[in-house]
Protein backbone atom coordinates (compact mmCIF):
# COMPACT_ATOMS: atom_id res chain seq x y z
CA MET A 1 68.00 127.94 140.05
CA LEU A 2 69.56 131.01 141.43
CA TRP A 3 71.13 128.53 144.30
CA ARG A 4 72.95 126.20 141.65
CA ARG A 5 74.35 129.67 140.04
CA ASN A 6 76.01 131.02 143.14
CA LEU A 7 76.93 127.64 144.64
CA PHE A 8 78.30 125.77 141.60
CA ALA A 9 81.37 127.94 140.98
CA PRO A 10 83.12 128.03 144.19
CA LEU A 11 82.44 124.28 144.16
CA ALA A 12 83.70 123.57 140.98
CA ALA A 13 86.70 125.64 142.01
CA LEU A 14 87.54 123.40 144.57
CA ALA A 15 86.85 120.12 142.62
CA LEU A 16 89.46 121.30 140.12
CA ALA A 17 92.02 122.80 142.75
CA LEU A 18 92.00 118.80 144.29
CA THR A 19 92.17 117.12 140.66
CA ALA A 20 94.11 119.45 138.80
CA PRO A 21 97.46 117.65 137.47
CA ALA A 22 101.03 118.99 138.73
CA GLY A 23 102.55 121.26 136.18
CA ALA A 24 106.13 120.74 134.36
CA GLY A 25 107.52 123.98 135.92
CA THR A 26 106.81 127.79 137.80
CA ALA A 27 106.21 130.99 136.94
CA ALA A 28 107.90 133.88 138.49
CA ALA A 29 106.83 135.78 140.60
CA ALA A 30 106.52 139.60 139.78
CA THR A 31 106.11 141.03 143.42
CA ASP A 32 106.55 139.97 146.99
CA THR A 33 102.71 139.58 147.28
CA THR A 34 102.16 137.49 144.38
CA VAL A 35 101.76 133.61 144.82
CA VAL A 36 103.36 131.53 142.08
CA ALA A 37 101.15 128.61 140.86
CA ALA A 38 102.22 125.35 138.47
CA ALA A 39 102.50 125.89 135.02
CA SER A 40 100.89 123.62 132.85
CA PRO A 41 102.47 121.12 130.03
CA VAL A 42 100.81 121.31 126.72
CA ALA A 43 101.54 119.71 123.42
CA SER A 44 104.86 120.17 121.40
CA PRO A 45 104.27 122.78 117.98
CA ALA A 46 104.02 119.31 116.16
CA ALA A 47 100.84 117.86 117.96
CA SER A 48 98.63 120.46 116.59
CA ALA A 49 97.74 121.39 113.23
CA ALA A 50 97.73 125.00 112.79
CA ASP A 51 94.04 125.16 112.20
CA ASP A 52 93.05 122.86 114.81
CA PHE A 53 91.90 125.97 116.99
CA GLY A 54 90.57 123.04 119.52
CA SER A 55 93.78 121.33 120.25
CA PRO A 56 96.81 122.88 122.24
CA GLY A 57 98.82 125.49 120.92
CA PRO A 58 102.38 125.45 120.47
CA TYR A 59 103.46 127.38 124.12
CA ALA A 60 104.23 125.78 127.19
CA THR A 61 102.26 127.53 130.02
CA ALA A 62 102.53 129.45 133.28
CA VAL A 63 100.17 130.74 135.98
CA GLU A 64 100.75 133.52 138.16
CA VAL A 65 98.26 134.47 140.99
CA GLY A 66 98.22 137.96 142.10
CA ALA A 67 95.46 139.84 144.41
CA ILE A 68 93.89 141.51 141.53
CA THR A 69 94.41 139.32 138.64
CA THR A 70 95.58 135.72 137.33
CA LEU A 71 97.97 135.57 134.42
CA TYR A 72 97.98 132.88 132.56
CA TYR A 73 100.73 133.16 129.43
CA PRO A 74 103.35 131.40 127.35
CA ARG A 75 105.95 130.20 129.97
CA ASP A 76 108.91 131.37 128.05
CA ILE A 77 107.53 134.76 127.29
CA ALA A 78 110.78 136.34 128.46
CA ASP A 79 112.59 134.86 125.30
CA SER A 80 109.77 135.18 123.12
CA ASP A 81 110.80 136.36 119.48
CA ARG A 82 107.25 138.09 119.42
CA ARG A 83 104.39 140.06 121.32
CA HIS A 84 101.53 138.69 122.58
CA PRO A 85 98.23 139.93 122.57
CA VAL A 86 96.05 140.01 126.02
CA ILE A 87 92.66 138.68 126.27
CA VAL A 88 90.69 140.23 129.53
CA TRP A 89 88.38 137.74 131.47
CA GLY A 90 85.50 138.03 133.81
CA ASN A 91 84.11 135.37 135.71
CA GLY A 92 80.64 134.04 136.17
CA THR A 93 78.78 135.16 139.20
CA GLY A 94 80.55 133.54 142.56
CA GLY A 95 83.50 132.25 140.13
CA VAL A 96 87.08 132.39 140.25
CA PRO A 97 89.75 132.04 137.48
CA LEU A 98 90.73 128.87 138.33
CA VAL A 99 87.07 127.72 137.54
CA TYR A 100 88.03 128.40 134.07
CA ARG A 101 91.45 127.23 134.39
CA ASP A 102 90.99 124.84 131.01
CA LEU A 103 90.08 127.75 128.74
CA MET A 104 92.51 130.51 130.17
CA LEU A 105 95.73 127.63 129.76
CA HIS A 106 94.04 126.47 126.32
CA TRP A 107 94.17 130.39 124.99
CA ALA A 108 97.84 130.91 126.78
CA SER A 109 99.08 128.13 124.76
CA GLN A 110 97.92 129.60 121.77
CA GLY A 111 99.99 132.64 122.27
CA PHE A 112 97.71 134.94 124.49
CA VAL A 113 98.50 136.80 127.90
CA VAL A 114 95.10 135.63 129.47
CA ALA A 115 94.27 138.43 132.32
CA ALA A 116 91.46 136.91 134.55
CA ALA A 117 90.00 139.25 136.94
CA ASN A 118 89.82 137.36 140.48
CA THR A 119 86.70 138.97 141.45
CA PRO A 120 83.62 136.77 141.82
CA MET A 121 81.83 139.86 141.35
CA SER A 122 82.94 141.24 137.58
CA ASN A 123 80.02 143.24 135.94
CA LEU A 124 81.32 146.63 136.38
CA GLY A 125 84.72 145.58 134.42
CA ILE A 126 86.89 147.27 137.07
CA SER A 127 89.02 144.45 137.62
CA MET A 128 89.60 143.94 134.10
CA ARG A 129 90.50 147.39 133.10
CA ALA A 130 92.84 147.23 136.23
CA SER A 131 94.44 144.36 134.37
CA ILE A 132 95.16 146.24 131.28
CA ASP A 133 96.83 148.96 133.55
CA MET A 134 98.74 146.15 135.35
CA LEU A 135 100.36 144.72 132.47
CA THR A 136 100.97 148.20 130.41
CA GLY A 137 102.98 148.80 133.71
CA ARG A 138 104.73 145.19 133.50
CA ASN A 139 105.26 145.49 129.67
CA ALA A 140 107.16 148.82 130.45
CA ASP A 141 109.18 147.29 133.05
CA ARG A 142 112.62 146.03 132.09
CA GLY A 143 112.60 143.96 135.18
CA SER A 144 109.75 141.78 134.48
CA ILE A 145 109.62 138.71 132.30
CA PHE A 146 106.53 140.49 130.32
CA PHE A 147 108.96 143.74 129.56
CA ASP A 148 108.07 144.47 125.64
CA ARG A 149 106.92 141.14 125.23
CA VAL A 150 103.12 142.18 125.65
CA ASP A 151 101.14 143.48 122.36
CA LEU A 152 98.64 146.18 123.77
CA GLU A 153 97.72 147.17 120.55
CA HIS A 154 95.51 143.86 120.59
CA ILE A 155 93.37 143.29 123.33
CA GLY A 156 90.32 141.40 123.73
CA ALA A 157 87.37 141.17 126.36
CA SER A 158 85.73 137.66 127.02
CA GLY A 159 83.86 136.46 129.96
CA HIS A 160 81.38 134.19 131.04
CA SER A 161 77.50 134.69 132.66
CA GLN A 162 77.89 138.16 134.87
CA GLY A 163 81.71 138.06 133.34
CA GLY A 164 80.23 137.79 129.92
CA ALA A 165 77.98 140.99 130.56
CA ALA A 166 81.65 142.51 131.89
CA ALA A 167 83.16 141.85 128.62
CA ILE A 168 80.47 143.75 127.23
CA VAL A 169 80.82 146.84 129.49
CA VAL A 170 84.76 146.96 129.10
CA GLY A 171 83.82 146.73 125.25
CA SER A 172 83.60 150.52 125.71
CA ASP A 173 86.95 150.72 126.51
CA PRO A 174 88.90 152.39 123.73
CA ARG A 175 92.01 150.10 124.59
CA ILE A 176 89.83 147.17 123.51
CA ASP A 177 89.86 145.22 119.84
CA THR A 178 87.03 142.77 120.18
CA VAL A 179 84.40 141.48 122.66
CA LEU A 180 83.23 137.70 123.08
CA PRO A 181 80.91 137.29 125.87
CA ILE A 182 79.92 133.48 126.51
CA GLN A 183 76.23 133.53 127.90
CA PRO A 184 76.37 136.86 129.22
CA GLY A 185 74.17 138.09 131.57
CA PRO A 186 71.62 140.96 131.15
CA LEU A 187 73.10 144.03 132.64
CA ALA A 188 75.53 145.66 130.17
CA ASN A 189 74.66 147.80 127.38
CA ILE A 190 76.07 146.80 123.84
CA ASN A 191 75.22 150.13 122.27
CA ALA A 192 78.50 151.64 123.93
CA VAL A 193 80.59 148.63 121.96
CA ARG A 194 82.20 150.19 118.87
CA VAL A 195 84.43 146.92 117.85
CA PRO A 196 83.75 143.19 116.61
CA ALA A 197 81.15 141.13 119.09
CA LEU A 198 80.88 137.20 119.04
CA LEU A 199 77.95 136.57 121.46
CA LEU A 200 77.73 132.83 122.38
CA ALA A 201 74.67 131.23 123.87
CA GLY A 202 74.11 127.71 125.00
CA GLN A 203 71.10 125.58 123.48
CA ARG A 204 69.98 124.23 126.89
CA ASP A 205 71.07 127.10 129.20
CA SER A 206 68.34 127.63 131.69
CA ILE A 207 69.80 130.51 133.54
CA VAL A 208 70.90 132.71 130.76
CA PHE A 209 68.54 131.92 127.88
CA PRO A 210 69.13 131.91 124.08
CA ALA A 211 67.09 134.76 123.73
CA LEU A 212 68.85 137.02 125.99
CA VAL A 213 71.72 136.65 124.15
CA LYS A 214 70.18 137.17 120.76
CA ALA A 215 68.68 140.40 122.31
CA PHE A 216 72.54 141.75 122.71
CA TYR A 217 73.00 140.55 119.18
CA ASN A 218 69.84 142.22 117.64
CA ALA A 219 71.02 145.32 119.36
CA ALA A 220 74.48 145.38 117.94
CA ASP A 221 73.42 146.59 114.54
CA HIS A 222 76.25 149.23 114.76
CA ILE A 223 79.15 146.78 114.67
CA PRO A 224 80.06 143.77 113.11
CA ALA A 225 78.51 141.04 115.36
CA LEU A 226 77.87 137.16 115.17
CA TYR A 227 75.39 135.07 117.60
CA GLY A 228 76.30 131.33 117.73
CA GLU A 229 74.15 128.95 119.55
CA VAL A 230 76.25 126.17 120.79
CA ARG A 231 74.30 122.44 120.69
CA GLY A 232 73.41 120.82 123.76
CA ALA A 233 75.36 123.48 125.49
CA ASP A 234 73.94 124.50 129.21
CA HIS A 235 74.88 127.22 131.43
CA PHE A 236 78.14 125.05 132.69
CA THR A 237 79.52 123.37 129.98
CA VAL A 238 82.25 125.72 129.38
CA VAL A 239 83.26 125.58 133.25
CA GLY A 240 86.34 122.75 133.53
CA ASP A 241 86.77 121.21 130.01
CA PRO A 242 85.40 124.12 127.73
CA GLY A 243 84.59 121.09 125.36
CA PRO A 244 82.85 122.85 122.02
CA PHE A 245 83.94 126.63 123.54
CA ALA A 246 87.60 125.88 123.03
CA ALA A 247 87.66 126.02 119.02
CA PRO A 248 85.50 128.72 118.20
CA THR A 249 86.78 131.09 121.06
CA THR A 250 90.66 130.07 120.07
CA ALA A 251 89.51 131.12 116.36
CA TRP A 252 87.78 134.18 117.04
CA PHE A 253 90.63 135.74 118.78
CA ARG A 254 93.56 134.43 116.68
CA ALA A 255 91.29 135.97 114.01
CA GLN A 256 91.14 139.32 115.72
CA LEU A 257 93.96 139.78 117.71
CA MET A 258 96.54 137.85 115.21
CA GLY A 259 95.15 138.62 111.90
CA ASP A 260 95.03 134.87 111.40
CA ARG A 261 93.41 134.23 108.39
CA THR A 262 92.51 130.79 108.45
CA ALA A 263 90.94 131.42 111.79
CA GLY A 264 88.86 134.38 109.94
CA ALA A 265 87.58 132.30 107.29
CA GLN A 266 85.89 130.30 110.57
CA PHE A 267 83.55 133.61 110.67
CA PHE A 268 83.67 135.96 107.89
CA GLY A 269 83.13 135.52 103.87
CA PRO A 270 80.82 132.92 101.60
CA GLY A 271 82.86 129.99 103.35
CA CYS A 272 82.23 130.80 106.61
CA GLY A 273 82.93 127.60 108.36
CA ILE A 274 80.82 128.12 111.57
CA CYS A 275 77.64 128.38 109.18
CA THR A 276 77.80 125.20 108.00
CA ASP A 277 79.02 123.10 111.06
CA THR A 278 75.41 121.83 112.45
CA ALA A 279 76.96 119.35 114.50
CA THR A 280 78.45 122.30 117.12
CA TRP A 281 75.59 124.99 116.45
CA SER A 282 72.04 125.16 116.72
CA ASP A 283 71.85 128.53 115.54
CA VAL A 284 74.23 130.94 113.82
CA ARG A 285 73.61 134.55 112.71
CA ARG A 286 75.54 137.12 111.30
CA ASN A 287 74.41 140.83 110.96
CA SER A 288 75.00 142.86 107.77
CA LEU A 289 78.32 144.63 109.02
CA ALA A 290 79.54 141.18 109.60
CA LEU A 291 78.31 139.81 106.40
CA ASN A 292 80.59 142.74 104.54
CA VAL A 293 83.74 141.65 106.62
CA PRO A 294 85.85 139.54 103.77
CA ALA A 295 87.30 136.14 104.55
CA ALA A 296 90.70 137.23 104.16
CA THR A 297 90.82 140.08 106.87
CA PRO A 298 89.41 139.93 110.72
């Protein structure tokens, strides 16, 4: 299966590039070396309920492709009345952000600034950390559309496969507030992470077996940690249309980075939403520290 892991992502990127619909507008370029991508339309605020985390959020979105990082963000961020939390992203082996475009745009429509590292070899997390540095500079630049609109006090790290391992690696950075590794590869040390973690596996993943993700969960006894195994998902379910991964990842980041209590109830407290959703999950586990987190707070 190694050949599939190495070749699938670039082929998927090409397919997405050829089939993606035209957007509603364009993002503003930050530098002369920035390539500007089309914005993606999203539903109006009335089109999705506040607790329907799998539906598009209220923000129209834009994309900015740079040399190191691709940004997905609320299109009118310059005129926003709030600061927007950050999600840094790492790709799977051989992948680029375009492979995960739908998930990135979904998060941006929910009000996040998503900084996706362009590297196809993300395990060390170098480009993900550089993305935080870049956004710190853009947030301080009065000439930037991001000026004073980026919430650098609330940053999450996520990624898929090798990028999932990178999210764990970056989780040791003191600027990171939570990690959400999706089917993470094994080259990471979760003992260095000091923030809450949601570790996602695919029930039918034949590349990163669920047991490998459970090993991270079992080792994470020093932080609030949850393990979720998506029923029927293989290693590439999150690629393209993220399907069952869209809602729980959005809810987790809304809970952890926005303080959304409805979202938090999906994971914490006696009413834990994902704990009873057997249609989506084949296995859900919460360690003792996660069990002690009240539903009202992330």
